């Protein structure tokens, strides 16, 4: 019996230590976001960036510092939104997918297309918004019905099933009575 309590106690300790570790990692990432953002200042001022495995040349922006400033201005909020999405415990956290998708599209267009950013990303965002917004509104309606109006949809379903079963039994009883009356006549 004491072994089970020890296992439960160790399980709780493991969960708490894991939660503490994840929380610490999230806190460190959030605390480092200003350093991550200002890292653009360490890039060269020319229009090409020579890396060990890749050479990036900016044709539209004349400076790699400008490109990295734009990249960090999109990347840091994206990281913070992703952290918020995965750590949020509210019912509406799916709405965060919309700005996350917006920043993803902006980062991808900055890296691959080398042009003005924030021009056509809204057209890529509309399908995501069309899916996410009704989904979140549906969750809100269910929560509003249950907690504000006190409507329990599952209880209503059970009650409707009970009425249907009662009606079906009544029909079967009436059919049996009719068959018995036909046999007597």
Protein backbone atom coordinates (compact mmCIF):
# COMPACT_ATOMS: atom_id res chain seq x y z
CA UNK A 1 0.00 0.00 0.00
CA UNK A 2 2.81 2.40 0.82
CA UNK A 3 4.43 1.59 -2.54
CA UNK A 4 1.41 2.98 -4.37
CA UNK A 5 1.59 6.21 -2.37
CA UNK A 6 5.29 6.49 -3.17
CA UNK A 7 4.57 5.98 -6.87
CA UNK A 8 1.86 8.64 -6.81
CA UNK A 9 4.16 10.97 -4.88
CA UNK A 10 7.01 10.38 -7.37
CA UNK A 11 4.60 10.90 -10.26
CA UNK A 12 3.51 14.25 -8.80
CA UNK A 13 7.14 15.24 -8.21
CA UNK A 14 7.99 14.30 -11.79
CA UNK A 15 5.09 16.36 -13.14
CA UNK A 16 6.00 19.32 -10.95
CA UNK A 17 9.68 19.19 -11.94
CA UNK A 18 8.75 18.87 -15.63
CA UNK A 19 6.36 21.82 -15.31
CA UNK A 20 9.05 23.83 -13.56
CA UNK A 21 11.58 22.99 -16.30
CA UNK A 22 9.20 23.96 -19.11
CA UNK A 23 8.21 27.14 -17.28
CA UNK A 24 11.86 28.04 -16.80
CA UNK A 25 12.64 27.50 -20.48
CA UNK A 26 9.67 29.67 -21.49
CA UNK A 27 10.70 32.39 -19.04
CA UNK A 28 14.29 32.40 -20.34
CA UNK A 29 13.11 32.63 -23.96
CA UNK A 30 10.81 35.55 -23.07
CA UNK A 31 13.61 37.26 -21.13
CA UNK A 32 16.01 36.85 -24.08
CA UNK A 33 13.65 38.33 -26.70
CA UNK A 34 15.23 41.83 -26.54
CA UNK A 35 18.66 40.28 -27.17
CA UNK A 36 17.25 38.17 -29.99
CA UNK A 37 15.63 41.25 -31.54
CA UNK A 38 18.75 43.43 -31.35
CA UNK A 39 20.95 40.70 -32.81
CA UNK A 40 20.29 42.28 -36.22
CA UNK A 41 23.01 44.82 -35.38
CA UNK A 42 25.67 42.10 -35.63
CA UNK A 43 25.04 41.48 -39.34
CA UNK A 44 27.05 43.12 -42.13
CA UNK A 45 25.91 46.38 -43.69
CA UNK A 46 26.36 45.19 -47.28
CA UNK A 47 23.75 43.61 -49.51
CA UNK A 48 25.17 40.05 -49.28
CA UNK A 49 25.54 37.71 -46.37
CA UNK A 50 28.09 34.94 -46.75
CA UNK A 51 27.47 32.03 -44.43
CA UNK A 52 29.31 28.76 -44.19
CA UNK A 53 26.68 26.87 -46.16
CA UNK A 54 24.70 29.58 -47.96
CA UNK A 55 25.04 33.05 -49.50
CA UNK A 56 22.06 35.38 -49.21
CA UNK A 57 21.86 38.42 -51.46
CA UNK A 58 19.18 41.02 -50.97
CA UNK A 59 18.12 42.59 -54.21
CA UNK A 60 15.37 44.83 -52.89
CA UNK A 61 16.76 45.87 -49.51
CA UNK A 62 20.20 47.43 -49.89
CA UNK A 63 21.44 46.31 -46.49
CA UNK A 64 21.45 42.98 -44.69
CA UNK A 65 20.96 44.91 -41.44
CA UNK A 66 17.64 46.19 -42.80
CA UNK A 67 16.61 42.70 -43.86
CA UNK A 68 17.51 41.28 -40.45
CA UNK A 69 15.76 44.16 -38.68
CA UNK A 70 12.60 43.36 -40.65
CA UNK A 71 13.09 39.65 -39.96
CA UNK A 72 13.54 40.13 -36.21
CA UNK A 73 10.56 42.51 -36.10
CA UNK A 74 8.45 39.61 -37.39
CA UNK A 75 10.26 36.67 -35.78
CA UNK A 76 10.23 37.86 -32.14
CA UNK A 77 6.44 38.45 -31.99
CA UNK A 78 5.97 35.12 -33.77
CA UNK A 79 7.98 33.30 -31.09
CA UNK A 80 6.05 35.07 -28.32
CA UNK A 81 2.69 34.23 -29.91
CA UNK A 82 3.67 30.58 -30.34
CA UNK A 83 4.69 30.43 -26.66
CA UNK A 84 1.42 32.07 -25.69
CA UNK A 85 -0.54 29.61 -27.84
CA UNK A 86 1.06 26.57 -26.24
CA UNK A 87 0.85 27.88 -22.67
CA UNK A 88 -2.60 29.53 -22.79
CA UNK A 89 -5.36 27.82 -20.79
CA UNK A 90 -8.25 30.00 -21.97
CA UNK A 91 -11.03 28.77 -24.24
CA UNK A 92 -10.21 31.32 -26.95
CA UNK A 93 -6.56 30.39 -27.52
CA UNK A 94 -7.28 29.13 -31.06
CA UNK A 95 -7.72 32.76 -32.14
CA UNK A 96 -3.96 33.14 -31.67
CA UNK A 97 -3.53 31.03 -34.80
CA UNK A 98 -4.57 34.02 -36.91
CA UNK A 99 -1.72 36.37 -35.91
CA UNK A 100 0.67 33.40 -35.84
CA UNK A 101 -0.24 32.62 -39.45
CA UNK A 102 0.11 36.30 -40.36
CA UNK A 103 3.64 36.48 -38.95
CA UNK A 104 4.59 33.17 -40.59
CA UNK A 105 3.46 34.46 -43.98
CA UNK A 106 5.36 37.71 -43.45
CA UNK A 107 8.58 35.93 -42.45
CA UNK A 108 8.34 33.53 -45.39
CA UNK A 109 7.67 36.35 -47.86
CA UNK A 110 10.60 38.33 -46.45
CA UNK A 111 13.00 35.41 -46.80
CA UNK A 112 11.92 33.99 -50.16
CA UNK A 113 10.51 36.90 -52.12
CA UNK A 114 12.76 39.84 -51.15
CA UNK A 115 10.15 42.54 -51.74
CA UNK A 116 7.87 44.80 -49.78
CA UNK A 117 6.38 42.80 -46.96
CA UNK A 118 2.85 43.07 -45.58
CA UNK A 119 1.24 43.51 -49.00
CA UNK A 120 -0.63 40.31 -49.92
CA UNK A 121 -0.47 38.28 -46.72
CA UNK A 122 -4.09 39.15 -45.91
CA UNK A 123 -5.21 37.09 -48.89
CA UNK A 124 -3.37 34.07 -47.50
CA UNK A 125 -4.83 34.77 -44.08
CA UNK A 126 -8.49 34.88 -45.14
CA UNK A 127 -8.92 31.08 -45.46
CA UNK A 128 -7.38 30.58 -42.02
CA UNK A 129 -9.68 33.22 -40.58
CA UNK A 130 -12.69 31.61 -42.25
CA UNK A 131 -11.91 28.36 -40.44
CA UNK A 132 -10.71 29.64 -37.04
CA UNK A 133 -13.29 32.33 -36.33
CA UNK A 134 -16.42 30.13 -36.64
CA UNK A 135 -14.66 27.39 -34.65
CA UNK A 136 -13.93 29.78 -31.79
CA UNK A 137 -17.42 31.28 -31.98
CA UNK A 138 -18.93 27.78 -31.76
CA UNK A 139 -16.88 27.08 -28.62
CA UNK A 140 -18.01 30.41 -27.17
CA UNK A 141 -21.67 29.58 -27.87
CA UNK A 142 -21.40 26.22 -26.15
CA UNK A 143 -19.71 27.78 -23.12
CA UNK A 144 -22.22 30.64 -23.01
CA UNK A 145 -25.17 28.24 -23.20
CA UNK A 146 -23.78 26.02 -20.48
CA UNK A 147 -22.37 28.53 -17.98
CA UNK A 148 -24.47 31.66 -18.49
CA UNK A 149 -27.85 30.31 -19.54
CA UNK A 150 -27.50 27.00 -17.72
CA UNK A 151 -28.41 24.96 -20.78
CA UNK A 152 -26.84 21.52 -20.66
CA UNK A 153 -26.93 20.20 -24.22
CA UNK A 154 -25.94 16.68 -23.19
CA UNK A 155 -28.82 16.54 -20.70
CA UNK A 156 -31.17 17.73 -23.42
CA UNK A 157 -29.88 14.99 -25.75
CA UNK A 158 -30.44 12.35 -23.07
CA UNK A 159 -33.96 13.65 -22.45
CA UNK A 160 -34.76 13.59 -26.19
CA UNK A 161 -33.48 10.02 -26.46
CA UNK A 162 -35.66 9.00 -23.52
CA UNK A 163 -38.72 10.58 -25.18
CA UNK A 164 -37.93 8.82 -28.48
CA UNK A 165 -37.58 5.47 -26.71
CA UNK A 166 -40.85 6.04 -24.86
CA UNK A 167 -42.59 6.97 -28.12
CA UNK A 168 -41.16 3.90 -29.87
CA UNK A 169 -42.38 1.62 -27.05
CA UNK A 170 -45.81 3.25 -27.22
CA UNK A 171 -45.97 2.62 -30.98
CA UNK A 172 -44.95 -1.02 -30.50
CA UNK A 173 -47.62 -1.43 -27.80
CA UNK A 174 -50.30 0.09 -30.07
CA UNK A 175 -49.24 -2.20 -32.93
CA UNK A 176 -49.50 -5.24 -30.64
CA UNK A 177 -52.95 -4.12 -29.48
CA UNK A 178 -54.12 -3.68 -33.08
CA UNK A 179 -52.80 -7.12 -34.02
CA UNK A 180 -54.57 -8.65 -31.03
CA UNK A 181 -57.83 -6.87 -31.98
CA UNK A 182 -57.52 -8.13 -35.58
CA UNK A 183 -57.06 -11.72 -34.38
CA UNK A 184 -60.15 -11.45 -32.18
CA UNK A 185 -62.35 -10.15 -34.96
